[in-house]
Structures are given as C-alpha cells and as structure tokens.
Amino acid sequence: MTPVTTWSNDREQAVAEAIARAISQTVVVPRSPLAEIAAVIGGSALVIGADTGLTHLASAFGLPTVAIFLATEPGLTGPRGPFSSTLLARPGHSVTPPEVMAEAERLVERQTLGQAGGR
C-alpha cells in the first residue's frame, strides 16, 4: 500500500509533509476540491484518519476505516459500518501506531473474508 495524506490548512500541510519525510513513499495530495479528494478516498484500500469528514466519507464508501478520536466522543459522531472502527485515546494517553496498525489489519482481513464469502 502507498500512504496518502491530505490537508486543508497550513498546519495540516506541515503534518502531511512531515509524514512524507518520515515515510518516503507517501503521496501528499495537493489541496484540492472535495470531489477530487473523494475520488482519491474512494479508490483507497484502507483509510486511517482523525475525526473528520473525510474519515466519515471513507466509512460511507464501505472502506476499512480506522478513526482516531482524541477529544470527541466516538459513540456520538463516530463512523459506522462493518469495516469501520474507532480508537479513543484515554485521558492523558495517546493512541499508538501499533494499536492503529493492529486495528487496520483486523478490518482489512474482515473485509477480505467478507468478499471471499460473498462469491
């Protein structure tokens, strides 16, 4: 898989570019209209994101989606669907990359098994 990052303001752009520096194959999508970003998301195999509209869009597409919640309550606003999951940081803690990757792998496997069973 090729990591892809999006951004909508200067702070998010700095984070996206830092990710690309840390993971050389990362594609930083230029600031684009929502329809273009939706097309990128729709063609994805997995989406990992924060509590944002784009993460919810991925879930609506039925993609394996891991939503990371730091301050908001996922029970109220979290993405829904058989391949969506939320990880909530406990007060004073963070969600770790290994936790995120384990959940992502679980969702991708669930989707793969579901597609194999539906044939």
PDB file of N, CA and C in Angstrom:
ATOM      1  N   MET A   1       0.836  -1.183   0.000  1.00  0.00           N
ATOM      2  CA  MET A   1       0.000   0.000   0.000  1.00  0.00           C
ATOM      3  C   MET A   1       0.877   1.242   0.000  1.00  0.00           C
ATOM      4  N   THR A   2       0.386   2.257  -0.635  1.00  0.00           N
ATOM      5  CA  THR A   2       1.064   3.546  -0.663  1.00  0.00           C
ATOM      6  C   THR A   2       0.337   4.506   0.260  1.00  0.00           C
ATOM      7  N   PRO A   3       1.008   5.032   1.284  1.00  0.00           N
ATOM      8  CA  PRO A   3       0.350   6.018   2.157  1.00  0.00           C
ATOM      9  C   PRO A   3       0.042   7.302   1.398  1.00  0.00           C
ATOM     10  N   VAL A   4      -1.132   7.857   1.653  1.00  0.00           N
ATOM     11  CA  VAL A   4      -1.570   9.100   1.027  1.00  0.00           C
ATOM     12  C   VAL A   4      -2.049  10.017   2.142  1.00  0.00           C
ATOM     13  N   THR A   5      -1.638  11.271   2.098  1.00  0.00           N
ATOM     14  CA  THR A   5      -2.103  12.243   3.088  1.00  0.00           C
ATOM     15  C   THR A   5      -2.789  13.409   2.385  1.00  0.00           C
ATOM     16  N   THR A   6      -3.751  13.988   3.076  1.00  0.00           N
ATOM     17  CA  THR A   6      -4.440  15.178   2.577  1.00  0.00           C
ATOM     18  C   THR A   6      -4.283  16.285   3.609  1.00  0.00           C
ATOM     19  N   TRP A   7      -4.624  17.470   3.225  1.00  0.00           N
ATOM     20  CA  TRP A   7      -4.532  18.607   4.140  1.00  0.00           C
ATOM     21  C   TRP A   7      -5.451  19.711   3.652  1.00  0.00           C
ATOM     22  N   SER A   8      -5.814  20.627   4.567  1.00  0.00           N
ATOM     23  CA  SER A   8      -6.678  21.738   4.163  1.00  0.00           C
ATOM     24  C   SER A   8      -6.211  23.089   4.695  1.00  0.00           C
ATOM     25  N   ASN A   9      -5.196  23.076   5.565  1.00  0.00           N
ATOM     26  CA  ASN A   9      -4.671  24.352   6.053  1.00  0.00           C
ATOM     27  C   ASN A   9      -3.159  24.206   6.274  1.00  0.00           C
ATOM     28  N   ASP A  10      -2.498  25.294   6.613  1.00  0.00           N
ATOM     29  CA  ASP A  10      -1.040  25.276   6.744  1.00  0.00           C
ATOM     30  C   ASP A  10      -0.552  24.278   7.791  1.00  0.00           C
ATOM     31  N   ARG A  11      -1.239  24.199   8.914  1.00  0.00           N
ATOM     32  CA  ARG A  11      -0.832  23.262   9.973  1.00  0.00           C
ATOM     33  C   ARG A  11      -0.938  21.816   9.487  1.00  0.00           C
ATOM     34  N   GLU A  12      -2.057  21.476   8.845  1.00  0.00           N
ATOM     35  CA  GLU A  12      -2.238  20.126   8.321  1.00  0.00           C
ATOM     36  C   GLU A  12      -1.228  19.826   7.212  1.00  0.00           C
ATOM     37  N   GLN A  13      -0.913  20.820   6.389  1.00  0.00           N
ATOM     38  CA  GLN A  13       0.079  20.618   5.345  1.00  0.00           C
ATOM     39  C   GLN A  13       1.438  20.286   5.948  1.00  0.00           C
ATOM     40  N   ALA A  14       1.799  20.973   7.021  1.00  0.00           N
ATOM     41  CA  ALA A  14       3.078  20.691   7.685  1.00  0.00           C
ATOM     42  C   ALA A  14       3.111  19.260   8.216  1.00  0.00           C
ATOM     43  N   VAL A  15       1.997  18.799   8.775  1.00  0.00           N
ATOM     44  CA  VAL A  15       1.927  17.421   9.271  1.00  0.00           C
ATOM     45  C   VAL A  15       2.023  16.439   8.104  1.00  0.00           C
ATOM     46  N   ALA A  16       1.285  16.690   7.038  1.00  0.00           N
ATOM     47  CA  ALA A  16       1.317  15.808   5.868  1.00  0.00           C
ATOM     48  C   ALA A  16       2.730  15.708   5.299  1.00  0.00           C
ATOM     49  N   GLU A  17       3.412  16.828   5.216  1.00  0.00           N
ATOM     50  CA  GLU A  17       4.775  16.824   4.685  1.00  0.00           C
ATOM     51  C   GLU A  17       5.747  16.134   5.638  1.00  0.00           C
ATOM     52  N   ALA A  18       5.528  16.244   6.937  1.00  0.00           N
ATOM     53  CA  ALA A  18       6.371  15.537   7.910  1.00  0.00           C
ATOM     54  C   ALA A  18       6.188  14.033   7.774  1.00  0.00           C
ATOM     55  N   ILE A  19       4.960  13.606   7.554  1.00  0.00           N
ATOM     56  CA  ILE A  19       4.708  12.173   7.331  1.00  0.00           C
ATOM     57  C   ILE A  19       5.437  11.714   6.076  1.00  0.00           C
ATOM     58  N   ALA A  20       5.366  12.513   5.026  1.00  0.00           N
ATOM     59  CA  ALA A  20       6.036  12.147   3.771  1.00  0.00           C
ATOM     60  C   ALA A  20       7.551  12.084   3.933  1.00  0.00           C
ATOM     61  N   ARG A  21       8.112  12.942   4.765  1.00  0.00           N
ATOM     62  CA  ARG A  21       9.551  12.872   5.015  1.00  0.00           C
ATOM     63  C   ARG A  21       9.910  11.610   5.793  1.00  0.00           C
ATOM     64  N   ALA A  22       9.034  11.209   6.705  1.00  0.00           N
ATOM     65  CA  ALA A  22       9.299  10.028   7.532  1.00  0.00           C
ATOM     66  C   ALA A  22       9.058   8.723   6.779  1.00  0.00           C
ATOM     67  N   ILE A  23       8.110   8.732   5.855  1.00  0.00           N
ATOM     68  CA  ILE A  23       7.768   7.540   5.072  1.00  0.00           C
ATOM     69  C   ILE A  23       7.884   7.935   3.608  1.00  0.00           C
ATOM     70  N   SER A  24       9.009   7.574   3.006  1.00  0.00           N
ATOM     71  CA  SER A  24       9.387   8.125   1.699  1.00  0.00           C
ATOM     72  C   SER A  24       8.375   7.883   0.585  1.00  0.00           C
ATOM     73  N   GLN A  25       7.618   6.808   0.615  1.00  0.00           N
ATOM     74  CA  GLN A  25       6.687   6.533  -0.489  1.00  0.00           C
ATOM     75  C   GLN A  25       5.346   7.250  -0.340  1.00  0.00           C
ATOM     76  N   THR A  26       5.186   8.067   0.697  1.00  0.00           N
ATOM     77  CA  THR A  26       3.928   8.772   0.939  1.00  0.00           C
ATOM     78  C   THR A  26       3.658   9.800  -0.152  1.00  0.00           C
ATOM     79  N   VAL A  27       2.408   9.831  -0.597  1.00  0.00           N
ATOM     80  CA  VAL A  27       1.944  10.826  -1.565  1.00  0.00           C
ATOM     81  C   VAL A  27       1.181  11.898  -0.793  1.00  0.00           C
ATOM     82  N   VAL A  28       1.598  13.142  -0.941  1.00  0.00           N
ATOM     83  CA  VAL A  28       0.884  14.268  -0.346  1.00  0.00           C
ATOM     84  C   VAL A  28      -0.012  14.850  -1.436  1.00  0.00           C
ATOM     85  N   VAL A  29      -1.314  14.699  -1.252  1.00  0.00           N
ATOM     86  CA  VAL A  29      -2.264  15.199  -2.239  1.00  0.00           C
ATOM     87  C   VAL A  29      -2.316  16.717  -2.131  1.00  0.00           C
ATOM     88  N   PRO A  30      -2.184  17.420  -3.246  1.00  0.00           N
ATOM     89  CA  PRO A  30      -2.295  18.881  -3.190  1.00  0.00           C
ATOM     90  C   PRO A  30      -3.688  19.289  -2.708  1.00  0.00           C
ATOM     91  N   ARG A  31      -3.777  20.466  -2.132  1.00  0.00           N
ATOM     92  CA  ARG A  31      -5.089  20.970  -1.727  1.00  0.00           C
ATOM     93  C   ARG A  31      -5.992  20.953  -2.955  1.00  0.00           C
ATOM     94  N   SER A  32      -7.133  20.286  -2.812  1.00  0.00           N
ATOM     95  CA  SER A  32      -7.995  20.013  -3.962  1.00  0.00           C
ATOM     96  C   SER A  32      -9.454  20.155  -3.567  1.00  0.00           C
ATOM     97  N   PRO A  33     -10.331  20.286  -4.571  1.00  0.00           N
ATOM     98  CA  PRO A  33     -11.766  20.307  -4.280  1.00  0.00           C
ATOM     99  C   PRO A  33     -12.201  18.970  -3.659  1.00  0.00           C
ATOM    100  N   LEU A  34     -13.270  19.014  -2.882  1.00  0.00           N
ATOM    101  CA  LEU A  34     -13.759  17.837  -2.181  1.00  0.00           C
ATOM    102  C   LEU A  34     -14.032  16.674  -3.137  1.00  0.00           C
ATOM    103  N   ALA A  35     -14.570  16.933  -4.306  1.00  0.00           N
ATOM    104  CA  ALA A  35     -14.871  15.849  -5.253  1.00  0.00           C
ATOM    105  C   ALA A  35     -13.597  15.093  -5.643  1.00  0.00           C
ATOM    106  N   GLU A  36     -12.505  15.807  -5.810  1.00  0.00           N
ATOM    107  CA  GLU A  36     -11.242  15.152  -6.162  1.00  0.00           C
ATOM    108  C   GLU A  36     -10.692  14.341  -4.989  1.00  0.00           C
ATOM    109  N   ILE A  37     -10.778  14.879  -3.787  1.00  0.00           N
ATOM    110  CA  ILE A  37     -10.332  14.149  -2.596  1.00  0.00           C
ATOM    111  C   ILE A  37     -11.216  12.916  -2.404  1.00  0.00           C
ATOM    112  N   ALA A  38     -12.526  13.063  -2.635  1.00  0.00           N
ATOM    113  CA  ALA A  38     -13.449  11.923  -2.515  1.00  0.00           C
ATOM    114  C   ALA A  38     -13.072  10.821  -3.496  1.00  0.00           C
ATOM    115  N   ALA A  39     -12.635  11.183  -4.683  1.00  0.00           N
ATOM    116  CA  ALA A  39     -12.218  10.180  -5.663  1.00  0.00           C
ATOM    117  C   ALA A  39     -10.969   9.441  -5.193  1.00  0.00           C
ATOM    118  N   VAL A  40     -10.037  10.166  -4.591  1.00  0.00           N
ATOM    119  CA  VAL A  40      -8.832   9.529  -4.040  1.00  0.00           C
ATOM    120  C   VAL A  40      -9.227   8.560  -2.929  1.00  0.00           C
ATOM    121  N   ILE A  41     -10.083   9.020  -2.031  1.00  0.00           N
ATOM    122  CA  ILE A  41     -10.519   8.177  -0.924  1.00  0.00           C
ATOM    123  C   ILE A  41     -11.267   6.956  -1.450  1.00  0.00           C
ATOM    124  N   GLY A  42     -12.156   7.157  -2.407  1.00  0.00           N
ATOM    125  CA  GLY A  42     -12.938   6.056  -2.960  1.00  0.00           C
ATOM    126  C   GLY A  42     -12.094   4.966  -3.595  1.00  0.00           C
ATOM    127  N   GLY A  43     -10.908   5.314  -4.059  1.00  0.00           N
ATOM    128  CA  GLY A  43     -10.008   4.338  -4.656  1.00  0.00           C
ATOM    129  C   GLY A  43      -9.033   3.719  -3.674  1.00  0.00           C
ATOM    130  N   SER A  44      -9.212   4.011  -2.403  1.00  0.00           N
ATOM    131  CA  SER A  44      -8.282   3.526  -1.380  1.00  0.00           C
ATOM    132  C   SER A  44      -8.662   2.131  -0.893  1.00  0.00           C
ATOM    133  N   ALA A  45      -7.671   1.424  -0.372  1.00  0.00           N
ATOM    134  CA  ALA A  45      -7.893   0.092   0.200  1.00  0.00           C
ATOM    135  C   ALA A  45      -8.136   0.174   1.704  1.00  0.00           C
ATOM    136  N   LEU A  46      -7.696   1.259   2.334  1.00  0.00           N
ATOM    137  CA  LEU A  46      -7.774   1.433   3.779  1.00  0.00           C
ATOM    138  C   LEU A  46      -7.644   2.916   4.071  1.00  0.00           C
ATOM    139  N   VAL A  47      -8.411   3.399   5.048  1.00  0.00           N
ATOM    140  CA  VAL A  47      -8.287   4.795   5.457  1.00  0.00           C
ATOM    141  C   VAL A  47      -8.087   4.840   6.966  1.00  0.00           C
ATOM    142  N   ILE A  48      -7.072   5.580   7.377  1.00  0.00           N
ATOM    143  CA  ILE A  48      -6.806   5.845   8.788  1.00  0.00           C
ATOM    144  C   ILE A  48      -6.840   7.353   8.931  1.00  0.00           C
ATOM    145  N   GLY A  49      -7.683   7.846   9.814  1.00  0.00           N
ATOM    146  CA  GLY A  49      -7.791   9.284   9.944  1.00  0.00           C
ATOM    147  C   GLY A  49      -8.328   9.703  11.295  1.00  0.00           C
ATOM    148  N   ALA A  50      -8.405  10.993  11.475  1.00  0.00           N
ATOM    149  CA  ALA A  50      -8.940  11.575  12.704  1.00  0.00           C
ATOM    150  C   ALA A  50     -10.451  11.735  12.553  1.00  0.00           C
ATOM    151  N   ASP A  51     -11.061  12.349  13.520  1.00  0.00           N
ATOM    152  CA  ASP A  51     -12.495  12.605  13.497  1.00  0.00           C
ATOM    153  C   ASP A  51     -12.755  13.753  12.533  1.00  0.00           C
ATOM    154  N   THR A  52     -12.780  13.425  11.244  1.00  0.00           N
ATOM    155  CA  THR A  52     -13.001  14.428  10.205  1.00  0.00           C
ATOM    156  C   THR A  52     -14.038  13.928   9.208  1.00  0.00           C
ATOM    157  N   GLY A  53     -14.529  14.842   8.422  1.00  0.00           N
ATOM    158  CA  GLY A  53     -15.487  14.482   7.379  1.00  0.00           C
ATOM    159  C   GLY A  53     -14.910  13.493   6.382  1.00  0.00           C
ATOM    160  N   LEU A  54     -13.620  13.598   6.071  1.00  0.00           N
ATOM    161  CA  LEU A  54     -13.026  12.680   5.105  1.00  0.00           C
ATOM    162  C   LEU A  54     -12.983  11.249   5.640  1.00  0.00           C
ATOM    163  N   THR A  55     -12.737  11.092   6.930  1.00  0.00           N
ATOM    164  CA  THR A  55     -12.748   9.761   7.536  1.00  0.00           C
ATOM    165  C   THR A  55     -14.168   9.193   7.497  1.00  0.00           C
ATOM    166  N   HIS A  56     -15.155  10.015   7.784  1.00  0.00           N
ATOM    167  CA  HIS A  56     -16.540   9.572   7.712  1.00  0.00           C
ATOM    168  C   HIS A  56     -16.927   9.219   6.272  1.00  0.00           C
ATOM    169  N   LEU A  57     -16.412   9.958   5.317  1.00  0.00           N
ATOM    170  CA  LEU A  57     -16.674   9.667   3.906  1.00  0.00           C
ATOM    171  C   LEU A  57     -16.125   8.290   3.540  1.00  0.00           C
ATOM    172  N   ALA A  58     -14.934   7.969   4.000  1.00  0.00           N
ATOM    173  CA  ALA A  58     -14.346   6.658   3.732  1.00  0.00           C
ATOM    174  C   ALA A  58     -15.232   5.549   4.287  1.00  0.00           C
ATOM    175  N   SER A  59     -15.729   5.750   5.481  1.00  0.00           N
ATOM    176  CA  SER A  59     -16.626   4.778   6.086  1.00  0.00           C
ATOM    177  C   SER A  59     -17.907   4.634   5.265  1.00  0.00           C
ATOM    178  N   ALA A  60     -18.430   5.747   4.790  1.00  0.00           N
ATOM    179  CA  ALA A  60     -19.646   5.706   3.960  1.00  0.00           C
ATOM    180  C   ALA A  60     -19.406   4.958   2.661  1.00  0.00           C
ATOM    181  N   PHE A  61     -18.176   4.997   2.158  1.00  0.00           N
ATOM    182  CA  PHE A  61     -17.826   4.231   0.952  1.00  0.00           C
ATOM    183  C   PHE A  61     -17.711   2.741   1.253  1.00  0.00           C
ATOM    184  N   GLY A  62     -17.740   2.363   2.524  1.00  0.00           N
ATOM    185  CA  GLY A  62     -17.612   0.954   2.895  1.00  0.00           C
ATOM    186  C   GLY A  62     -16.183   0.468   2.948  1.00  0.00           C
ATOM    187  N   LEU A  63     -15.240   1.404   3.043  1.00  0.00           N
ATOM    188  CA  LEU A  63     -13.826   1.042   3.100  1.00  0.00           C
ATOM    189  C   LEU A  63     -13.418   0.686   4.525  1.00  0.00           C
ATOM    190  N   PRO A  64     -12.430  -0.192   4.695  1.00  0.00           N
ATOM    191  CA  PRO A  64     -11.874  -0.375   6.029  1.00  0.00           C
ATOM    192  C   PRO A  64     -11.377   0.991   6.523  1.00  0.00           C
ATOM    193  N   THR A  65     -11.919   1.434   7.651  1.00  0.00           N
ATOM    194  CA  THR A  65     -11.657   2.782   8.147  1.00  0.00           C
ATOM    195  C   THR A  65     -11.380   2.744   9.639  1.00  0.00           C
ATOM    196  N   VAL A  66     -10.227   3.255  10.037  1.00  0.00           N
ATOM    197  CA  VAL A  66      -9.884   3.401  11.445  1.00  0.00           C
ATOM    198  C   VAL A  66      -9.921   4.893  11.753  1.00  0.00           C
ATOM    199  N   ALA A  67     -10.836   5.276  12.627  1.00  0.00           N
ATOM    200  CA  ALA A  67     -10.960   6.675  13.032  1.00  0.00           C
ATOM    201  C   ALA A  67     -10.336   6.832  14.413  1.00  0.00           C
ATOM    202  N   ILE A  68      -9.443   7.781  14.531  1.00  0.00           N
ATOM    203  CA  ILE A  68      -8.753   8.031  15.794  1.00  0.00           C
ATOM    204  C   ILE A  68      -9.372   9.264  16.445  1.00  0.00           C
ATOM    205  N   PHE A  69      -9.919   9.066  17.630  1.00  0.00           N
ATOM    206  CA  PHE A  69     -10.573  10.140  18.368  1.00  0.00           C
ATOM    207  C   PHE A  69      -9.700  10.520  19.553  1.00  0.00           C
ATOM    208  N   LEU A  70      -9.395  11.796  19.674  1.00  0.00           N
ATOM    209  CA  LEU A  70      -8.581  12.281  20.784  1.00  0.00           C
ATOM    210  C   LEU A  70      -9.410  13.036  21.816  1.00  0.00           C
ATOM    211  N   ALA A  71     -10.390  13.799  21.368  1.00  0.00           N
ATOM    212  CA  ALA A  71     -11.138  14.642  22.306  1.00  0.00           C
ATOM    213  C   ALA A  71     -12.646  14.464  22.192  1.00  0.00           C
ATOM    214  N   THR A  72     -13.137  14.049  21.041  1.00  0.00           N
ATOM    215  CA  THR A  72     -14.580  13.915  20.862  1.00  0.00           C
ATOM    216  C   THR A  72     -15.016  12.494  21.195  1.00  0.00           C
ATOM    217  N   GLU A  73     -16.308  12.313  21.388  1.00  0.00           N
ATOM    218  CA  GLU A  73     -16.866  11.026  21.788  1.00  0.00           C
ATOM    219  C   GLU A  73     -17.306  10.235  20.553  1.00  0.00           C
ATOM    220  N   PRO A  74     -16.647   9.115  20.248  1.00  0.00           N
ATOM    221  CA  PRO A  74     -16.976   8.364  19.038  1.00  0.00           C
ATOM    222  C   PRO A  74     -18.384   7.788  19.045  1.00  0.00           C
ATOM    223  N   GLY A  75     -18.948   7.531  20.215  1.00  0.00           N
ATOM    224  CA  GLY A  75     -20.298   6.999  20.258  1.00  0.00           C
ATOM    225  C   GLY A  75     -21.327   7.962  19.693  1.00  0.00           C
ATOM    226  N   LEU A  76     -21.009   9.238  19.717  1.00  0.00           N
ATOM    227  CA  LEU A  76     -21.918  10.258  19.212  1.00  0.00           C
ATOM    228  C   LEU A  76     -21.675  10.575  17.743  1.00  0.00           C
ATOM    229  N   THR A  77     -20.417  10.566  17.328  1.00  0.00           N
ATOM    230  CA  THR A  77     -20.102  11.042  15.977  1.00  0.00           C
ATOM    231  C   THR A  77     -19.211  10.099  15.186  1.00  0.00           C
ATOM    232  N   GLY A  78     -18.926   8.932  15.705  1.00  0.00           N
ATOM    233  CA  GLY A  78     -18.001   8.028  15.035  1.00  0.00           C
ATOM    234  C   GLY A  78     -18.566   7.445  13.756  1.00  0.00           C
ATOM    235  N   PRO A  79     -17.681   7.024  12.859  1.00  0.00           N
ATOM    236  CA  PRO A  79     -18.136   6.403  11.621  1.00  0.00           C
ATOM    237  C   PRO A  79     -18.813   5.059  11.905  1.00  0.00           C
ATOM    238  N   ARG A  80     -19.691   4.660  11.036  1.00  0.00           N
ATOM    239  CA  ARG A  80     -20.457   3.429  11.198  1.00  0.00           C
ATOM    240  C   ARG A  80     -20.186   2.490  10.019  1.00  0.00           C
ATOM    241  N   GLY A  81     -20.435   1.227  10.237  1.00  0.00           N
ATOM    242  CA  GLY A  81     -20.339   0.252   9.161  1.00  0.00           C
ATOM    243  C   GLY A  81     -19.529  -0.949   9.582  1.00  0.00           C
ATOM    244  N   PRO A  82     -19.643  -2.025   8.823  1.00  0.00           N
ATOM    245  CA  PRO A  82     -18.980  -3.278   9.206  1.00  0.00           C
ATOM    246  C   PRO A  82     -17.456  -3.220   9.136  1.00  0.00           C
ATOM    247  N   PHE A  83     -16.927  -2.249   8.419  1.00  0.00           N
ATOM    248  CA  PHE A  83     -15.476  -2.158   8.265  1.00  0.00           C
ATOM    249  C   PHE A  83     -14.923  -0.881   8.890  1.00  0.00           C
ATOM    250  N   SER A  84     -15.695  -0.281   9.779  1.00  0.00           N
ATOM    251  CA  SER A  84     -15.272   0.950  10.454  1.00  0.00           C
ATOM    252  C   SER A  84     -15.020   0.668  11.923  1.00  0.00           C
ATOM    253  N   SER A  85     -14.027   1.344  12.452  1.00  0.00           N
ATOM    254  CA  SER A  85     -13.675   1.182  13.847  1.00  0.00           C
ATOM    255  C   SER A  85     -13.164   2.509  14.379  1.00  0.00           C
ATOM    256  N   THR A  86     -13.376   2.723  15.663  1.00  0.00           N
ATOM    257  CA  THR A  86     -12.838   3.924  16.281  1.00  0.00           C
ATOM    258  C   THR A  86     -11.893   3.533  17.412  1.00  0.00           C
ATOM    259  N   LEU A  87     -10.834   4.287  17.522  1.00  0.00           N
ATOM    260  CA  LEU A  87      -9.898   4.144  18.627  1.00  0.00           C
ATOM    261  C   LEU A  87      -9.929   5.456  19.392  1.00  0.00           C
ATOM    262  N   LEU A  88     -10.150   5.363  20.683  1.00  0.00           N
ATOM    263  CA  LEU A  88     -10.280   6.543  21.522  1.00  0.00           C
ATOM    264  C   LEU A  88      -9.108   6.621  22.481  1.00  0.00           C
ATOM    265  N   ALA A  89      -8.423   7.750  22.482  1.00  0.00           N
ATOM    266  CA  ALA A  89      -7.315   7.962  23.417  1.00  0.00           C
ATOM    267  C   ALA A  89      -7.895   8.174  24.817  1.00  0.00           C
ATOM    268  N   ARG A  90      -7.370   7.439  25.765  1.00  0.00           N
ATOM    269  CA  ARG A  90      -7.763   7.638  27.166  1.00  0.00           C
ATOM    270  C   ARG A  90      -7.180   8.971  27.642  1.00  0.00           C
ATOM    271  N   PRO A  91      -7.829   9.611  28.612  1.00  0.00           N
ATOM    272  CA  PRO A  91      -7.303  10.884  29.124  1.00  0.00           C
ATOM    273  C   PRO A  91      -5.829  10.761  29.531  1.00  0.00           C
ATOM    274  N   GLY A  92      -5.020  11.661  29.027  1.00  0.00           N
ATOM    275  CA  GLY A  92      -3.598  11.663  29.346  1.00  0.00           C
ATOM    276  C   GLY A  92      -2.772  10.673  28.537  1.00  0.00           C
ATOM    277  N   HIS A  93      -3.391   9.956  27.621  1.00  0.00           N
ATOM    278  CA  HIS A  93      -2.692   8.972  26.800  1.00  0.00           C
ATOM    279  C   HIS A  93      -2.919   9.263  25.318  1.00  0.00           C
ATOM    280  N   SER A  94      -2.223   8.528  24.495  1.00  0.00           N
ATOM    281  CA  SER A  94      -2.420   8.651  23.057  1.00  0.00           C
ATOM    282  C   SER A  94      -2.748   7.284  22.482  1.00  0.00           C
ATOM    283  N   VAL A  95      -3.182   7.277  21.256  1.00  0.00           N
ATOM    284  CA  VAL A  95      -3.371   6.033  20.519  1.00  0.00           C
ATOM    285  C   VAL A  95      -2.032   5.755  19.840  1.00  0.00           C
ATOM    286  N   THR A  96      -1.489   4.560  20.019  1.00  0.00           N
ATOM    287  CA  THR A  96      -0.160   4.252  19.497  1.00  0.00           C
ATOM    288  C   THR A  96      -0.228   3.697  18.070  1.00  0.00           C
ATOM    289  N   PRO A  97       0.835   3.908  17.292  1.00  0.00           N
ATOM    290  CA  PRO A  97       0.860   3.323  15.942  1.00  0.00           C
ATOM    291  C   PRO A  97       0.618   1.811  15.924  1.00  0.00           C
ATOM    292  N   PRO A  98       1.191   1.025  16.849  1.00  0.00           N
ATOM    293  CA  PRO A  98       0.885  -0.414  16.815  1.00  0.00           C
ATOM    294  C   PRO A  98      -0.608  -0.720  17.033  1.00  0.00           C
ATOM    295  N   GLU A  99      -1.277   0.064  17.894  1.00  0.00           N
ATOM    296  CA  GLU A  99      -2.715  -0.128  18.091  1.00  0.00           C
ATOM    297  C   GLU A  99      -3.480   0.161  16.793  1.00  0.00           C
ATOM    298  N   VAL A 100      -3.088   1.235  16.125  1.00  0.00           N
ATOM    299  CA  VAL A 100      -3.753   1.616  14.881  1.00  0.00           C
ATOM    300  C   VAL A 100      -3.528   0.547  13.814  1.00  0.00           C
ATOM    301  N   MET A 101      -2.293   0.084  13.671  1.00  0.00           N
ATOM    302  CA  MET A 101      -1.997  -0.906  12.636  1.00  0.00           C
ATOM    303  C   MET A 101      -2.695  -2.238  12.915  1.00  0.00           C
ATOM    304  N   ALA A 102      -2.773  -2.641  14.167  1.00  0.00           N
ATOM    305  CA  ALA A 102      -3.466  -3.893  14.507  1.00  0.00           C
ATOM    306  C   ALA A 102      -4.944  -3.794  14.132  1.00  0.00           C
ATOM    307  N   GLU A 103      -5.551  -2.665  14.422  1.00  0.00           N
ATOM    308  CA  GLU A 103      -6.962  -2.478  14.076  1.00  0.00           C
ATOM    309  C   GLU A 103      -7.154  -2.412  12.571  1.00  0.00           C
ATOM    310  N   ALA A 104      -6.252  -1.735  11.862  1.00  0.00           N
ATOM    311  CA  ALA A 104      -6.325  -1.658  10.405  1.00  0.00           C
ATOM    312  C   ALA A 104      -6.220  -3.053   9.791  1.00  0.00           C
ATOM    313  N   GLU A 105      -5.279  -3.842  10.265  1.00  0.00           N
ATOM    314  CA  GLU A 105      -5.118  -5.203   9.741  1.00  0.00           C
ATOM    315  C   GLU A 105      -6.360  -6.041  10.009  1.00  0.00           C
ATOM    316  N   ARG A 106      -6.965  -5.877  11.173  1.00  0.00           N
ATOM    317  CA  ARG A 106      -8.180  -6.626  11.513  1.00  0.00           C
ATOM    318  C   ARG A 106      -9.320  -6.268  10.555  1.00  0.00           C
ATOM    319  N   LEU A 107      -9.483  -4.982  10.260  1.00  0.00           N
ATOM    320  CA  LEU A 107     -10.556  -4.548   9.372  1.00  0.00           C
ATOM    321  C   LEU A 107     -10.337  -4.999   7.937  1.00  0.00           C
ATOM    322  N   VAL A 108      -9.095  -4.917   7.456  1.00  0.00           N
ATOM    323  CA  VAL A 108      -8.797  -5.362   6.094  1.00  0.00           C
ATOM    324  C   VAL A 108      -9.057  -6.862   5.979  1.00  0.00           C
ATOM    325  N   GLU A 109      -8.655  -7.617   6.991  1.00  0.00           N
ATOM    326  CA  GLU A 109      -8.901  -9.057   6.974  1.00  0.00           C
ATOM    327  C   GLU A 109     -10.402  -9.345   6.983  1.00  0.00           C
ATOM    328  N   ARG A 110     -11.158  -8.613   7.800  1.00  0.00           N
ATOM    329  CA  ARG A 110     -12.607  -8.800   7.848  1.00  0.00           C
ATOM    330  C   ARG A 110     -13.231  -8.546   6.484  1.00  0.00           C
ATOM    331  N   GLN A 111     -12.789  -7.467   5.828  1.00  0.00           N
ATOM    332  CA  GLN A 111     -13.333  -7.152   4.511  1.00  0.00           C
ATOM    333  C   GLN A 111     -12.949  -8.238   3.502  1.00  0.00           C
ATOM    334  N   THR A 112     -11.705  -8.682   3.547  1.00  0.00           N
ATOM    335  CA  THR A 112     -11.244  -9.709   2.612  1.00  0.00           C
ATOM    336  C   THR A 112     -12.034 -11.007   2.809  1.00  0.00           C
ATOM    337  N   LEU A 113     -12.244 -11.408   4.050  1.00  0.00           N
ATOM    338  CA  LEU A 113     -13.016 -12.621   4.326  1.00  0.00           C
ATOM    339  C   LEU A 113     -14.455 -12.448   3.891  1.00  0.00           C
ATOM    340  N   GLY A 114     -15.007 -11.261   4.084  1.00  0.00           N
ATOM    341  CA  GLY A 114     -16.386 -10.991   3.656  1.00  0.00           C
ATOM    342  C   GLY A 114     -16.544 -11.061   2.156  1.00  0.00           C
ATOM    343  N   GLN A 115     -15.558 -10.549   1.420  1.00  0.00           N
ATOM    344  CA  GLN A 115     -15.625 -10.596  -0.043  1.00  0.00           C
ATOM    345  C   GLN A 115     -15.451 -12.022  -0.547  1.00  0.00           C
ATOM    346  N   ALA A 116     -14.583 -12.802   0.096  1.00  0.00           N
ATOM    347  CA  ALA A 116     -14.364 -14.193  -0.315  1.00  0.00           C
ATOM    348  C   ALA A 116     -15.624 -15.019  -0.056  1.00  0.00           C
ATOM    349  N   GLY A 117     -16.309 -14.722   1.054  1.00  0.00           N
ATOM    350  CA  GLY A 117     -17.510 -15.475   1.402  1.00  0.00           C
ATOM    351  C   GLY A 117     -18.694 -15.102   0.525  1.00  0.00           C
ATOM    352  N   GLY A 118     -18.652 -13.913  -0.083  1.00  0.00           N
ATOM    353  CA  GLY A 118     -19.773 -13.449  -0.902  1.00  0.00           C
ATOM    354  C   GLY A 118     -19.694 -13.892  -2.348  1.00  0.00           C
ATOM    355  N   ARG A 119     -18.668 -14.606  -2.734  1.00  0.00           N
ATOM    356  CA  ARG A 119     -18.528 -15.001  -4.147  1.00  0.00           C
ATOM    357  C   ARG A 119     -19.268 -16.247  -4.451  1.00  0.00           C
TER     358      ARG A 119
END
